[in-house]
Amino acid sequence: MSFGDAILAGFRQYAEFGGRAGVAEFWWFILFVTLVTSGLGALNVATPNGVIGVGSSLASVRG
């Protein structure tokens, strides 16, 4: 299963709790979630008064 296929399958079957995902599908989707979360975490804004956690706030709003 390719990276794109695993992401599509993960979103299509997000709320289906019967059955199992394959090993490749599972790890590709975990890689996708990790990359998106890391990317959003990098969007934090540093100001003279401290860090505004814009990206961290967005990264924590996941399913």
PDB file of N, CA and C in Angstrom:
ATOM      1  N   MET A   1       0.844  -1.159   0.000  1.00  0.00           N
ATOM      2  CA  MET A   1       0.000   0.000   0.000  1.00  0.00           C
ATOM      3  C   MET A   1       0.901   1.236   0.000  1.00  0.00           C
ATOM      4  N   SER A   2       0.557   2.193  -0.828  1.00  0.00           N
ATOM      5  CA  SER A   2       1.362   3.407  -0.923  1.00  0.00           C
ATOM      6  C   SER A   2       0.965   4.409   0.157  1.00  0.00           C
ATOM      7  N   PHE A   3       1.769   5.444   0.298  1.00  0.00           N
ATOM      8  CA  PHE A   3       1.531   6.488   1.302  1.00  0.00           C
ATOM      9  C   PHE A   3       0.170   7.151   1.080  1.00  0.00           C
ATOM     10  N   GLY A   4      -0.111   7.556  -0.149  1.00  0.00           N
ATOM     11  CA  GLY A   4      -1.380   8.214  -0.458  1.00  0.00           C
ATOM     12  C   GLY A   4      -2.581   7.309  -0.247  1.00  0.00           C
ATOM     13  N   ASP A   5      -2.455   6.049  -0.650  1.00  0.00           N
ATOM     14  CA  ASP A   5      -3.547   5.093  -0.455  1.00  0.00           C
ATOM     15  C   ASP A   5      -3.836   4.873   1.029  1.00  0.00           C
ATOM     16  N   ALA A   6      -2.797   4.821   1.842  1.00  0.00           N
ATOM     17  CA  ALA A   6      -2.966   4.617   3.276  1.00  0.00           C
ATOM     18  C   ALA A   6      -3.670   5.805   3.922  1.00  0.00           C
ATOM     19  N   ILE A   7      -3.337   7.024   3.480  1.00  0.00           N
ATOM     20  CA  ILE A   7      -3.984   8.210   4.037  1.00  0.00           C
ATOM     21  C   ILE A   7      -5.457   8.232   3.651  1.00  0.00           C
ATOM     22  N   LEU A   8      -5.755   7.958   2.381  1.00  0.00           N
ATOM     23  CA  LEU A   8      -7.149   7.924   1.941  1.00  0.00           C
ATOM     24  C   LEU A   8      -7.937   6.854   2.684  1.00  0.00           C
ATOM     25  N   ALA A   9      -7.356   5.684   2.848  1.00  0.00           N
ATOM     26  CA  ALA A   9      -8.040   4.606   3.563  1.00  0.00           C
ATOM     27  C   ALA A   9      -8.252   4.973   5.026  1.00  0.00           C
ATOM     28  N   GLY A  10      -7.273   5.636   5.622  1.00  0.00           N
ATOM     29  CA  GLY A  10      -7.415   6.050   7.016  1.00  0.00           C
ATOM     30  C   GLY A  10      -8.553   7.021   7.222  1.00  0.00           C
ATOM     31  N   PHE A  11      -8.696   7.980   6.305  1.00  0.00           N
ATOM     32  CA  PHE A  11      -9.799   8.942   6.423  1.00  0.00           C
ATOM     33  C   PHE A  11     -11.140   8.325   6.047  1.00  0.00           C
ATOM     34  N   ARG A  12     -11.150   7.420   5.072  1.00  0.00           N
ATOM     35  CA  ARG A  12     -12.405   6.763   4.686  1.00  0.00           C
ATOM     36  C   ARG A  12     -12.929   5.852   5.791  1.00  0.00           C
ATOM     37  N   GLN A  13     -12.034   5.189   6.500  1.00  0.00           N
ATOM     38  CA  GLN A  13     -12.438   4.209   7.512  1.00  0.00           C
ATOM     39  C   GLN A  13     -12.199   4.723   8.922  1.00  0.00           C
ATOM     40  N   TYR A  14     -12.198   6.041   9.087  1.00  0.00           N
ATOM     41  CA  TYR A  14     -11.844   6.654  10.369  1.00  0.00           C
ATOM     42  C   TYR A  14     -12.775   6.232  11.496  1.00  0.00           C
ATOM     43  N   ALA A  15     -14.068   6.153  11.249  1.00  0.00           N
ATOM     44  CA  ALA A  15     -15.037   5.840  12.307  1.00  0.00           C
ATOM     45  C   ALA A  15     -15.553   4.415  12.239  1.00  0.00           C
ATOM     46  N   GLU A  16     -14.930   3.573  11.455  1.00  0.00           N
ATOM     47  CA  GLU A  16     -15.320   2.163  11.393  1.00  0.00           C
ATOM     48  C   GLU A  16     -14.440   1.379  12.359  1.00  0.00           C
ATOM     49  N   PHE A  17     -15.064   0.743  13.310  1.00  0.00           N
ATOM     50  CA  PHE A  17     -14.312   0.067  14.360  1.00  0.00           C
ATOM     51  C   PHE A  17     -14.267  -1.443  14.187  1.00  0.00           C
ATOM     52  N   GLY A  18     -14.814  -1.950  13.112  1.00  0.00           N
ATOM     53  CA  GLY A  18     -14.730  -3.372  12.829  1.00  0.00           C
ATOM     54  C   GLY A  18     -13.599  -3.628  11.845  1.00  0.00           C
ATOM     55  N   GLY A  19     -12.964  -4.765  11.936  1.00  0.00           N
ATOM     56  CA  GLY A  19     -11.887  -5.103  11.025  1.00  0.00           C
ATOM     57  C   GLY A  19     -10.545  -4.580  11.500  1.00  0.00           C
ATOM     58  N   ARG A  20      -9.557  -4.748  10.654  1.00  0.00           N
ATOM     59  CA  ARG A  20      -8.198  -4.351  11.008  1.00  0.00           C
ATOM     60  C   ARG A  20      -7.531  -3.686   9.822  1.00  0.00           C
ATOM     61  N   ALA A  21      -6.609  -2.814  10.129  1.00  0.00           N
ATOM     62  CA  ALA A  21      -5.774  -2.197   9.095  1.00  0.00           C
ATOM     63  C   ALA A  21      -4.534  -3.066   8.911  1.00  0.00           C
ATOM     64  N   GLY A  22      -4.004  -3.034   7.725  1.00  0.00           N
ATOM     65  CA  GLY A  22      -2.757  -3.738   7.477  1.00  0.00           C
ATOM     66  C   GLY A  22      -1.598  -3.004   8.142  1.00  0.00           C
ATOM     67  N   VAL A  23      -0.475  -3.672   8.255  1.00  0.00           N
ATOM     68  CA  VAL A  23       0.694  -3.087   8.909  1.00  0.00           C
ATOM     69  C   VAL A  23       1.172  -1.854   8.154  1.00  0.00           C
ATOM     70  N   ALA A  24       1.296  -1.957   6.824  1.00  0.00           N
ATOM     71  CA  ALA A  24       1.761  -0.818   6.029  1.00  0.00           C
ATOM     72  C   ALA A  24       0.787   0.346   6.127  1.00  0.00           C
ATOM     73  N   GLU A  25      -0.512   0.061   6.044  1.00  0.00           N
ATOM     74  CA  GLU A  25      -1.531   1.109   6.140  1.00  0.00           C
ATOM     75  C   GLU A  25      -1.438   1.830   7.482  1.00  0.00           C
ATOM     76  N   PHE A  26      -1.305   1.073   8.543  1.00  0.00           N
ATOM     77  CA  PHE A  26      -1.202   1.658   9.880  1.00  0.00           C
ATOM     78  C   PHE A  26       0.002   2.575  10.006  1.00  0.00           C
ATOM     79  N   TRP A  27       1.196   2.107   9.621  1.00  0.00           N
ATOM     80  CA  TRP A  27       2.408   2.891   9.813  1.00  0.00           C
ATOM     81  C   TRP A  27       2.484   4.087   8.876  1.00  0.00           C
ATOM     82  N   TRP A  28       1.965   3.958   7.645  1.00  0.00           N
ATOM     83  CA  TRP A  28       1.927   5.121   6.764  1.00  0.00           C
ATOM     84  C   TRP A  28       1.021   6.199   7.350  1.00  0.00           C
ATOM     85  N   PHE A  29      -0.123   5.806   7.917  1.00  0.00           N
ATOM     86  CA  PHE A  29      -1.038   6.788   8.498  1.00  0.00           C
ATOM     87  C   PHE A  29      -0.414   7.422   9.743  1.00  0.00           C
ATOM     88  N   ILE A  30       0.291   6.645  10.553  1.00  0.00           N
ATOM     89  CA  ILE A  30       0.977   7.198  11.730  1.00  0.00           C
ATOM     90  C   ILE A  30       2.046   8.196  11.284  1.00  0.00           C
ATOM     91  N   LEU A  31       2.789   7.884  10.215  1.00  0.00           N
ATOM     92  CA  LEU A  31       3.779   8.820   9.688  1.00  0.00           C
ATOM     93  C   LEU A  31       3.116  10.114   9.244  1.00  0.00           C
ATOM     94  N   PHE A  32       1.980  10.014   8.552  1.00  0.00           N
ATOM     95  CA  PHE A  32       1.240  11.192   8.107  1.00  0.00           C
ATOM     96  C   PHE A  32       0.804  12.049   9.294  1.00  0.00           C
ATOM     97  N   VAL A  33       0.223  11.448  10.303  1.00  0.00           N
ATOM     98  CA  VAL A  33      -0.234  12.183  11.479  1.00  0.00           C
ATOM     99  C   VAL A  33       0.946  12.847  12.187  1.00  0.00           C
ATOM    100  N   THR A  34       2.060  12.151  12.295  1.00  0.00           N
ATOM    101  CA  THR A  34       3.255  12.705  12.940  1.00  0.00           C
ATOM    102  C   THR A  34       3.799  13.899  12.163  1.00  0.00           C
ATOM    103  N   LEU A  35       3.859  13.792  10.839  1.00  0.00           N
ATOM    104  CA  LEU A  35       4.355  14.895  10.014  1.00  0.00           C
ATOM    105  C   LEU A  35       3.443  16.118  10.094  1.00  0.00           C
ATOM    106  N   VAL A  36       2.144  15.899  10.050  1.00  0.00           N
ATOM    107  CA  VAL A  36       1.199  17.024  10.134  1.00  0.00           C
ATOM    108  C   VAL A  36       1.284  17.678  11.505  1.00  0.00           C
ATOM    109  N   THR A  37       1.335  16.881  12.563  1.00  0.00           N
ATOM    110  CA  THR A  37       1.427  17.425  13.914  1.00  0.00           C
ATOM    111  C   THR A  37       2.725  18.197  14.112  1.00  0.00           C
ATOM    112  N   SER A  38       3.822  17.666  13.603  1.00  0.00           N
ATOM    113  CA  SER A  38       5.111  18.364  13.709  1.00  0.00           C
ATOM    114  C   SER A  38       5.109  19.655  12.913  1.00  0.00           C
ATOM    115  N   GLY A  39       4.523  19.614  11.733  1.00  0.00           N
ATOM    116  CA  GLY A  39       4.438  20.812  10.906  1.00  0.00           C
ATOM    117  C   GLY A  39       3.611  21.899  11.560  1.00  0.00           C
ATOM    118  N   LEU A  40       2.494  21.522  12.150  1.00  0.00           N
ATOM    119  CA  LEU A  40       1.665  22.504  12.849  1.00  0.00           C
ATOM    120  C   LEU A  40       2.362  23.022  14.100  1.00  0.00           C
ATOM    121  N   GLY A  41       3.098  22.165  14.767  1.00  0.00           N
ATOM    122  CA  GLY A  41       3.845  22.594  15.949  1.00  0.00           C
ATOM    123  C   GLY A  41       4.930  23.596  15.615  1.00  0.00           C
ATOM    124  N   ALA A  42       5.421  23.558  14.378  1.00  0.00           N
ATOM    125  CA  ALA A  42       6.462  24.487  13.960  1.00  0.00           C
ATOM    126  C   ALA A  42       5.909  25.870  13.649  1.00  0.00           C
ATOM    127  N   LEU A  43       4.600  26.029  13.671  1.00  0.00           N
ATOM    128  CA  LEU A  43       3.977  27.316  13.361  1.00  0.00           C
ATOM    129  C   LEU A  43       3.864  28.234  14.570  1.00  0.00           C
ATOM    130  N   ASN A  44       4.495  27.878  15.659  1.00  0.00           N
ATOM    131  CA  ASN A  44       4.453  28.736  16.839  1.00  0.00           C
ATOM    132  C   ASN A  44       5.124  30.071  16.531  1.00  0.00           C
ATOM    133  N   VAL A  45       4.616  31.135  17.120  1.00  0.00           N
ATOM    134  CA  VAL A  45       5.115  32.478  16.848  1.00  0.00           C
ATOM    135  C   VAL A  45       5.865  32.980  18.075  1.00  0.00           C
ATOM    136  N   ALA A  46       7.134  33.339  17.897  1.00  0.00           N
ATOM    137  CA  ALA A  46       7.932  33.875  18.998  1.00  0.00           C
ATOM    138  C   ALA A  46       7.783  35.398  19.013  1.00  0.00           C
ATOM    139  N   THR A  47       7.390  35.931  20.140  1.00  0.00           N
ATOM    140  CA  THR A  47       7.256  37.372  20.313  1.00  0.00           C
ATOM    141  C   THR A  47       8.163  37.811  21.454  1.00  0.00           C
ATOM    142  N   PRO A  48       8.396  39.108  21.618  1.00  0.00           N
ATOM    143  CA  PRO A  48       9.213  39.570  22.748  1.00  0.00           C
ATOM    144  C   PRO A  48       8.614  39.205  24.108  1.00  0.00           C
ATOM    145  N   ASN A  49       7.307  39.008  24.160  1.00  0.00           N
ATOM    146  CA  ASN A  49       6.645  38.672  25.417  1.00  0.00           C
ATOM    147  C   ASN A  49       6.547  37.174  25.665  1.00  0.00           C
ATOM    148  N   GLY A  50       6.980  36.371  24.737  1.00  0.00           N
ATOM    149  CA  GLY A  50       6.912  34.920  24.896  1.00  0.00           C
ATOM    150  C   GLY A  50       6.531  34.258  23.583  1.00  0.00           C
ATOM    151  N   VAL A  51       6.136  33.025  23.667  1.00  0.00           N
ATOM    152  CA  VAL A  51       5.772  32.245  22.485  1.00  0.00           C
ATOM    153  C   VAL A  51       4.260  32.106  22.440  1.00  0.00           C
ATOM    154  N   ILE A  52       3.691  32.409  21.298  1.00  0.00           N
ATOM    155  CA  ILE A  52       2.255  32.205  21.080  1.00  0.00           C
ATOM    156  C   ILE A  52       2.107  30.851  20.420  1.00  0.00           C
ATOM    157  N   GLY A  53       1.405  29.969  21.048  1.00  0.00           N
ATOM    158  CA  GLY A  53       1.286  28.591  20.582  1.00  0.00           C
ATOM    159  C   GLY A  53       0.210  28.377  19.546  1.00  0.00           C
ATOM    160  N   VAL A  54       0.284  29.074  18.423  1.00  0.00           N
ATOM    161  CA  VAL A  54      -0.716  28.914  17.353  1.00  0.00           C
ATOM    162  C   VAL A  54      -0.645  27.510  16.792  1.00  0.00           C
ATOM    163  N   GLY A  55       0.536  27.101  16.396  1.00  0.00           N
ATOM    164  CA  GLY A  55       0.687  25.763  15.793  1.00  0.00           C
ATOM    165  C   GLY A  55       0.415  24.651  16.771  1.00  0.00           C
ATOM    166  N   SER A  56       0.859  24.806  18.022  1.00  0.00           N
ATOM    167  CA  SER A  56       0.608  23.770  19.017  1.00  0.00           C
ATOM    168  C   SER A  56      -0.876  23.616  19.292  1.00  0.00           C
ATOM    169  N   SER A  57      -1.593  24.722  19.285  1.00  0.00           N
ATOM    170  CA  SER A  57      -3.041  24.651  19.493  1.00  0.00           C
ATOM    171  C   SER A  57      -3.712  23.926  18.362  1.00  0.00           C
ATOM    172  N   LEU A  58      -3.299  24.206  17.117  1.00  0.00           N
ATOM    173  CA  LEU A  58      -3.867  23.518  15.979  1.00  0.00           C
ATOM    174  C   LEU A  58      -3.477  22.035  15.960  1.00  0.00           C
ATOM    175  N   ALA A  59      -2.265  21.734  16.369  1.00  0.00           N
ATOM    176  CA  ALA A  59      -1.793  20.354  16.368  1.00  0.00           C
ATOM    177  C   ALA A  59      -2.532  19.504  17.398  1.00  0.00           C
ATOM    178  N   SER A  60      -3.011  20.118  18.468  1.00  0.00           N
ATOM    179  CA  SER A  60      -3.702  19.339  19.488  1.00  0.00           C
ATOM    180  C   SER A  60      -5.155  19.071  19.137  1.00  0.00           C
ATOM    181  N   VAL A  61      -5.667  19.682  18.065  1.00  0.00           N
ATOM    182  CA  VAL A  61      -7.038  19.477  17.645  1.00  0.00           C
ATOM    183  C   VAL A  61      -7.077  18.388  16.601  1.00  0.00           C
ATOM    184  N   ARG A  62      -6.771  17.203  17.001  1.00  0.00           N
ATOM    185  CA  ARG A  62      -6.824  16.057  16.101  1.00  0.00           C
ATOM    186  C   ARG A  62      -7.685  14.989  16.745  1.00  0.00           C
ATOM    187  N   GLY A  63      -8.080  14.048  15.938  1.00  0.00           N
ATOM    188  CA  GLY A  63      -9.031  13.043  16.381  1.00  0.00           C
ATOM    189  C   GLY A  63      -8.510  12.020  17.260  1.00  0.00           C
TER     190      GLY A  63
END
